[in-house]
Amino acid sequence: MNRVTMRINGTEYSIKGNETEEHLRRVGTTVNKMIESILEKNYMISTQSAAVLAAMNAVDEKLKAEDKLTTVKSQAGSVESGAASLNKEISDLKLEIDRLRSENENLAKALEDRKNNEGDDLLAKDKEIKRLETELHLTSESAREYRDDNEHISKMNKELKFELQSYKYKVLDLQKKLFDTQINQVKDKKERNPVIREKARSTNP
């Protein structure tokens, strides 16, 4: 686990995570910029309120990503025709969800540190972030299940096409055998029937 120390709105925070130090610093810098931007536009609000607004902005991005994923699922009427593009879009959404999860986790840690310094005012927001993390996990699992189902259906479709082609060849083979059998039956009938043989001789002097 990596750890970096970041100064967010004038206060130092220790950010820990399994990501690289560069990633953790980028998350801390992003959170700091979000809070600073909010304070610049709303200089009358408190630092705590700015932190809450920053959290709401992060959650807003996460919800938009979820809405986009829902839209993709609802438009996936034909699995085979849109499998390639749909899988790519799901993969992109999963990466976006992972990025938002990482940002939410680090934002939650920053808010936890501020809560320890300023009291328990952010406890409700901390619970909300944990709930959102659970929803992110469920969304990621749903995306994974949808991708697996799509791959399974594509595989079944290929197998059915192969089986159909095999049946076509079998039907053609049976038709040929039936035709050959009919010809042999006619030949046998002619050979067994003397009248037919006599007629055959008269027509072929």
Protein backbone atom coordinates (compact mmCIF):
# COMPACT_ATOMS: atom_id res chain seq x y z
CA MET A 1 0.00 0.00 0.00
CA ASN A 2 1.33 3.44 -0.97
CA ARG A 3 1.01 6.63 1.07
CA VAL A 4 1.43 10.27 0.10
CA THR A 5 1.02 13.51 2.04
CA MET A 6 -1.05 16.15 0.27
CA ARG A 7 -2.01 19.67 1.24
CA ILE A 8 -5.71 20.17 0.57
CA ASN A 9 -7.05 23.66 1.16
CA GLY A 10 -4.20 24.49 3.51
CA THR A 11 -4.39 21.28 5.57
CA GLU A 12 -2.07 18.30 5.15
CA TYR A 13 -3.65 14.86 4.70
CA SER A 14 -2.11 11.43 4.51
CA ILE A 15 -3.65 9.56 1.56
CA LYS A 16 -3.19 5.81 1.40
CA GLY A 17 -4.15 3.35 -1.33
CA ASN A 18 -3.06 0.45 -3.51
CA GLU A 19 -2.62 2.78 -6.48
CA THR A 20 0.70 4.37 -7.47
CA GLU A 21 1.92 7.46 -5.65
CA GLU A 22 1.44 9.44 -8.85
CA HIS A 23 -2.21 8.38 -8.97
CA LEU A 24 -2.76 9.23 -5.29
CA ARG A 25 -1.17 12.67 -5.80
CA ARG A 26 -3.36 13.27 -8.82
CA VAL A 27 -6.45 12.39 -6.79
CA GLY A 28 -5.36 14.73 -3.98
CA THR A 29 -4.63 17.50 -6.47
CA THR A 30 -8.03 17.00 -8.13
CA VAL A 31 -9.85 17.19 -4.78
CA ASN A 32 -7.88 20.29 -3.81
CA LYS A 33 -8.71 21.99 -7.12
CA MET A 34 -12.40 21.11 -6.74
CA ILE A 35 -12.55 22.64 -3.24
CA GLU A 36 -10.53 25.71 -4.25
CA SER A 37 -12.74 26.27 -7.29
CA ILE A 38 -15.87 26.08 -5.15
CA LEU A 39 -14.41 28.49 -2.57
CA GLU A 40 -13.39 30.95 -5.29
CA LYS A 41 -16.91 31.02 -6.69
CA ASN A 42 -18.59 30.99 -3.26
CA TYR A 43 -16.19 32.77 -0.91
CA MET A 44 -18.91 33.12 1.77
CA ILE A 45 -19.29 29.37 2.37
CA SER A 46 -17.23 27.39 4.87
CA THR A 47 -14.48 24.93 4.06
CA GLN A 48 -16.71 22.12 5.27
CA SER A 49 -19.49 23.15 2.88
CA ALA A 50 -16.98 23.35 0.03
CA ALA A 51 -15.83 19.80 0.82
CA VAL A 52 -19.45 18.58 0.78
CA LEU A 53 -20.05 20.30 -2.58
CA ALA A 54 -16.89 18.68 -3.96
CA ALA A 55 -18.20 15.30 -2.80
CA MET A 56 -21.54 16.03 -4.47
CA ASN A 57 -19.75 16.86 -7.74
CA ALA A 58 -17.88 13.55 -7.60
CA VAL A 59 -21.14 11.70 -6.90
CA ASP A 60 -22.78 13.56 -9.79
CA GLU A 61 -20.11 12.25 -12.16
CA LYS A 62 -20.62 8.76 -10.80
CA LEU A 63 -24.40 8.92 -11.28
CA LYS A 64 -23.99 10.16 -14.83
CA ALA A 65 -21.74 7.21 -15.55
CA GLU A 66 -24.39 4.88 -14.09
CA ASP A 67 -27.10 6.54 -16.22
CA LYS A 68 -24.96 6.05 -19.30
CA LEU A 69 -24.48 2.37 -18.43
CA THR A 70 -28.26 1.97 -17.97
CA THR A 71 -28.87 3.59 -21.35
CA VAL A 72 -26.39 1.24 -23.00
CA LYS A 73 -28.14 -1.78 -21.49
CA SER A 74 -31.61 -0.60 -22.57
CA GLN A 75 -30.45 -0.03 -26.15
CA ALA A 76 -28.79 -3.45 -26.43
CA GLY A 77 -31.72 -5.11 -28.21
CA SER A 78 -29.62 -7.19 -30.56
CA VAL A 79 -26.75 -8.89 -28.74
CA GLU A 80 -25.00 -10.32 -31.78
CA SER A 81 -25.10 -7.24 -34.04
CA GLY A 82 -23.86 -4.82 -31.38
CA ALA A 83 -21.65 -7.15 -29.35
CA ALA A 84 -18.29 -5.61 -30.26
CA SER A 85 -19.26 -1.96 -29.73
CA LEU A 86 -21.29 -2.82 -26.63
CA ASN A 87 -18.41 -4.68 -25.02
CA LYS A 88 -16.10 -1.72 -25.67
CA GLU A 89 -18.59 0.71 -24.19
CA ILE A 90 -19.08 -1.50 -21.12
CA SER A 91 -15.30 -1.76 -20.74
CA ASP A 92 -14.98 2.03 -20.94
CA LEU A 93 -17.75 2.45 -18.38
CA LYS A 94 -16.09 -0.01 -16.03
CA LEU A 95 -12.86 1.97 -16.27
CA GLU A 96 -14.81 5.15 -15.55
CA ILE A 97 -16.53 3.47 -12.58
CA ASP A 98 -13.17 2.28 -11.25
CA ARG A 99 -11.77 5.80 -11.59
CA LEU A 100 -14.76 7.28 -9.78
CA ARG A 101 -14.52 4.61 -7.09
CA SER A 102 -10.86 5.50 -6.53
CA GLU A 103 -11.68 9.20 -6.36
CA ASN A 104 -14.56 8.54 -3.97
CA GLU A 105 -12.35 6.40 -1.73
CA ASN A 106 -9.68 9.07 -1.49
CA LEU A 107 -12.27 11.80 -1.06
CA ALA A 108 -13.84 9.75 1.72
CA LYS A 109 -10.44 9.49 3.43
CA ALA A 110 -9.90 13.24 3.12
CA LEU A 111 -13.34 13.89 4.56
CA GLU A 112 -12.65 11.42 7.36
CA ASP A 113 -9.50 13.33 8.30
CA ARG A 114 -11.41 16.61 8.27
CA LYS A 115 -14.13 15.04 10.38
CA ASN A 116 -11.53 14.11 13.00
CA ASN A 117 -10.31 17.72 13.02
CA GLU A 118 -13.67 19.48 12.94
CA GLY A 119 -15.99 17.04 14.68
CA ASP A 120 -18.67 14.62 13.56
CA ASP A 121 -20.46 16.94 11.13
CA LEU A 122 -19.41 14.84 8.14
CA LEU A 123 -20.55 11.47 9.52
CA ALA A 124 -23.72 11.42 7.41
CA LYS A 125 -21.74 12.22 4.26
CA ASP A 126 -19.25 9.46 5.06
CA LYS A 127 -22.10 6.95 5.28
CA GLU A 128 -23.48 8.22 1.99
CA ILE A 129 -20.12 7.74 0.28
CA LYS A 130 -19.91 4.16 1.59
CA ARG A 131 -23.41 3.52 0.24
CA LEU A 132 -22.34 4.89 -3.14
CA GLU A 133 -19.28 2.65 -3.10
CA THR A 134 -21.58 -0.34 -2.58
CA GLU A 135 -23.71 0.79 -5.51
CA LEU A 136 -20.59 1.16 -7.63
CA HIS A 137 -19.60 -2.39 -6.76
CA LEU A 138 -23.05 -3.71 -7.71
CA THR A 139 -22.96 -1.76 -10.98
CA SER A 140 -19.54 -3.21 -11.81
CA GLU A 141 -20.79 -6.75 -11.06
CA SER A 142 -23.85 -6.20 -13.27
CA ALA A 143 -21.64 -5.00 -16.12
CA ARG A 144 -19.42 -8.06 -15.74
CA GLU A 145 -22.43 -10.43 -15.76
CA TYR A 146 -23.84 -8.71 -18.84
CA ARG A 147 -20.51 -9.10 -20.66
CA ASP A 148 -20.34 -12.81 -19.72
CA ASP A 149 -23.92 -13.38 -20.93
CA ASN A 150 -23.12 -11.63 -24.19
CA GLU A 151 -20.05 -13.80 -24.76
CA HIS A 152 -22.07 -16.94 -23.98
CA ILE A 153 -24.82 -15.99 -26.45
CA SER A 154 -22.26 -15.23 -29.17
CA LYS A 155 -20.64 -18.62 -28.63
CA MET A 156 -24.01 -20.40 -28.80
CA ASN A 157 -24.85 -18.54 -32.01
CA LYS A 158 -21.61 -19.72 -33.65
CA GLU A 159 -22.29 -23.31 -32.56
CA LEU A 160 -25.85 -23.16 -33.95
CA LYS A 161 -24.59 -21.82 -37.29
CA PHE A 162 -22.07 -24.65 -37.49
CA GLU A 163 -24.74 -27.23 -36.61
CA LEU A 164 -27.11 -25.78 -39.23
CA GLN A 165 -24.42 -26.05 -41.91
CA SER A 166 -23.79 -29.66 -40.91
CA TYR A 167 -27.50 -30.46 -41.28
CA LYS A 168 -27.53 -28.85 -44.73
CA TYR A 169 -24.70 -31.13 -45.85
CA LYS A 170 -26.51 -34.16 -44.39
CA VAL A 171 -29.71 -33.26 -46.23
CA LEU A 172 -27.85 -32.89 -49.53
CA ASP A 173 -26.17 -36.25 -48.97
CA LEU A 174 -29.51 -37.92 -48.21
CA GLN A 175 -31.07 -36.36 -51.31
CA LYS A 176 -28.25 -37.73 -53.43
CA LYS A 177 -28.61 -41.19 -51.88
CA LEU A 178 -32.37 -41.09 -52.47
CA PHE A 179 -31.85 -40.12 -56.11
CA ASP A 180 -29.28 -42.90 -56.59
CA THR A 181 -31.65 -45.39 -54.95
CA GLN A 182 -34.51 -44.39 -57.25
CA ILE A 183 -32.30 -44.82 -60.31
CA ASN A 184 -31.16 -48.27 -59.10
CA GLN A 185 -34.76 -49.28 -58.44
CA VAL A 186 -35.76 -48.36 -61.99
CA LYS A 187 -32.80 -50.32 -63.39
CA ASP A 188 -33.66 -53.35 -61.25
CA LYS A 189 -37.31 -53.18 -62.30
CA LYS A 190 -36.35 -53.13 -65.96
CA GLU A 191 -34.04 -56.10 -65.54
CA ARG A 192 -36.69 -58.14 -63.73
CA ASN A 193 -39.54 -57.35 -66.20
CA PRO A 194 -39.17 -59.25 -69.55
CA VAL A 195 -41.70 -57.03 -71.30
CA ILE A 196 -39.67 -54.00 -70.47
CA ARG A 197 -36.53 -55.78 -71.69
CA GLU A 198 -38.28 -56.72 -74.95
CA LYS A 199 -39.40 -53.17 -75.53
CA ALA A 200 -35.89 -52.06 -74.78
CA ARG A 201 -34.54 -54.46 -77.47
CA SER A 202 -37.10 -53.29 -80.07
CA THR A 203 -36.19 -49.70 -79.52
CA ASN A 204 -32.48 -50.51 -79.72
CA PRO A 205 -31.98 -52.82 -82.84
